[in-house]
N, C-alpha and C. Protein backbone atom coordinates (compact mmCIF):
# COMPACT_ATOMS: atom_id res chain seq x y z
N MET A 1 6.95 -14.31 -58.44
CA MET A 1 7.31 -12.64 -58.66
C MET A 1 8.91 -12.49 -57.82
N THR A 2 9.38 -11.91 -59.19
CA THR A 2 11.17 -12.07 -58.32
C THR A 2 11.51 -10.72 -58.20
N ALA A 3 12.37 -10.50 -56.80
CA ALA A 3 12.58 -9.39 -55.95
C ALA A 3 14.21 -8.60 -57.43
N PRO A 4 14.01 -7.42 -57.44
CA PRO A 4 14.76 -6.98 -58.29
C PRO A 4 16.04 -6.41 -57.40
N LEU A 5 17.02 -6.48 -58.01
CA LEU A 5 18.05 -6.30 -57.62
C LEU A 5 18.86 -5.02 -58.11
N PHE A 6 19.86 -4.85 -56.83
CA PHE A 6 20.26 -2.80 -57.19
C PHE A 6 21.70 -3.10 -56.75
N ASP A 7 22.69 -2.41 -57.63
CA ASP A 7 23.91 -2.16 -57.48
C ASP A 7 24.60 -1.42 -56.19
N LEU A 8 24.56 -1.78 -55.10
CA LEU A 8 24.57 -0.29 -54.06
C LEU A 8 26.11 -0.09 -53.77
N SER A 9 26.99 -1.24 -54.04
CA SER A 9 28.46 -0.65 -54.16
C SER A 9 28.56 0.66 -54.29
N GLY A 10 28.65 1.72 -54.92
CA GLY A 10 28.70 2.97 -54.93
C GLY A 10 28.59 3.77 -53.79
N ARG A 11 28.11 3.31 -52.95
CA ARG A 11 27.28 3.91 -51.70
C ARG A 11 28.45 3.60 -50.61
N ALA A 12 29.09 4.60 -49.80
CA ALA A 12 29.62 4.80 -48.77
C ALA A 12 29.46 4.44 -47.47
N LYS A 13 30.42 3.85 -46.58
CA LYS A 13 29.44 4.24 -44.96
C LYS A 13 30.15 4.90 -44.44
N LEU A 14 29.45 5.15 -43.31
CA LEU A 14 30.18 6.74 -42.43
C LEU A 14 29.69 5.39 -41.04
N ARG A 15 31.42 6.00 -40.29
CA ARG A 15 31.05 6.03 -38.85
C ARG A 15 31.77 7.57 -38.48
N ILE A 16 30.34 7.04 -37.33
CA ILE A 16 30.21 8.63 -36.39
C ILE A 16 30.27 8.14 -35.26
N THR A 17 31.42 9.05 -34.45
CA THR A 17 32.00 8.82 -33.10
C THR A 17 31.60 10.02 -32.17
N GLY A 18 31.79 9.49 -30.89
CA GLY A 18 31.99 10.21 -30.31
C GLY A 18 30.53 10.50 -29.10
N SER A 19 30.96 11.16 -27.97
CA SER A 19 30.19 11.13 -26.96
C SER A 19 28.34 11.91 -27.22
N ASP A 20 28.44 12.68 -28.85
CA ASP A 20 27.24 13.56 -28.69
C ASP A 20 26.93 12.60 -30.56
N ARG A 21 27.54 11.64 -30.84
CA ARG A 21 26.98 10.92 -31.88
C ARG A 21 25.25 10.79 -32.29
N LEU A 22 25.07 10.57 -31.20
CA LEU A 22 23.25 10.40 -31.54
C LEU A 22 22.75 11.83 -31.34
N ARG A 23 22.76 12.48 -30.38
CA ARG A 23 21.89 13.29 -30.72
C ARG A 23 22.70 14.38 -32.10
N PHE A 24 23.28 13.90 -32.71
CA PHE A 24 24.22 14.68 -33.71
C PHE A 24 22.99 14.23 -35.10
N LEU A 25 23.09 12.54 -35.08
CA LEU A 25 22.19 12.02 -35.87
C LEU A 25 21.06 12.07 -35.71
N ASN A 26 20.11 12.41 -34.63
CA ASN A 26 19.10 12.10 -34.60
C ASN A 26 18.90 13.48 -35.48
N GLY A 27 19.75 14.85 -35.41
CA GLY A 27 19.25 15.68 -35.59
C GLY A 27 19.02 15.69 -37.58
N GLN A 28 20.01 15.01 -38.15
CA GLN A 28 20.51 14.70 -39.58
C GLN A 28 19.13 13.55 -40.24
N VAL A 29 18.51 13.03 -39.38
CA VAL A 29 17.32 12.17 -40.34
C VAL A 29 16.29 11.84 -39.47
N THR A 30 15.88 11.88 -40.10
CA THR A 30 13.88 11.90 -40.17
C THR A 30 13.28 10.78 -38.30
N ASN A 31 14.11 9.87 -38.35
CA ASN A 31 13.41 8.58 -37.57
C ASN A 31 14.39 9.04 -36.14
N ASP A 32 13.77 8.51 -34.79
CA ASP A 32 14.81 8.55 -33.76
C ASP A 32 15.83 7.84 -33.28
N VAL A 33 17.09 8.24 -33.80
CA VAL A 33 18.33 6.97 -33.90
C VAL A 33 18.40 6.29 -32.35
N ARG A 34 17.76 6.93 -31.15
CA ARG A 34 18.17 7.06 -30.34
C ARG A 34 17.01 5.50 -30.04
N LYS A 35 16.44 4.56 -30.82
CA LYS A 35 15.61 3.85 -30.29
C LYS A 35 16.31 2.03 -31.19
N ALA A 36 17.23 2.60 -32.34
CA ALA A 36 17.99 1.92 -32.99
C ALA A 36 18.72 1.32 -32.28
N SER A 37 19.16 -0.22 -32.56
CA SER A 37 19.61 -1.42 -31.98
C SER A 37 21.03 -1.59 -33.56
N GLU A 38 21.97 -1.86 -33.02
CA GLU A 38 23.54 -2.07 -33.73
C GLU A 38 22.89 -3.59 -34.98
N SER A 39 22.28 -4.46 -34.18
CA SER A 39 21.55 -5.40 -35.07
C SER A 39 19.97 -5.02 -36.22
N ALA A 40 19.87 -3.57 -35.59
CA ALA A 40 18.94 -3.42 -36.58
C ALA A 40 19.16 -1.86 -37.68
N ALA A 41 20.10 -1.87 -37.39
CA ALA A 41 20.94 -0.70 -37.84
C ALA A 41 20.78 -1.11 -39.55
């Protein structure tokens, strides 16, 4: 079984900063971003 390859070079990376960044991101996605770590992002 082989794994498919996808070209993801067109995707953008965002850097969200500020003291309320976790509250903002938590309102944008369905997962609880407060539980995410930098290494598991």
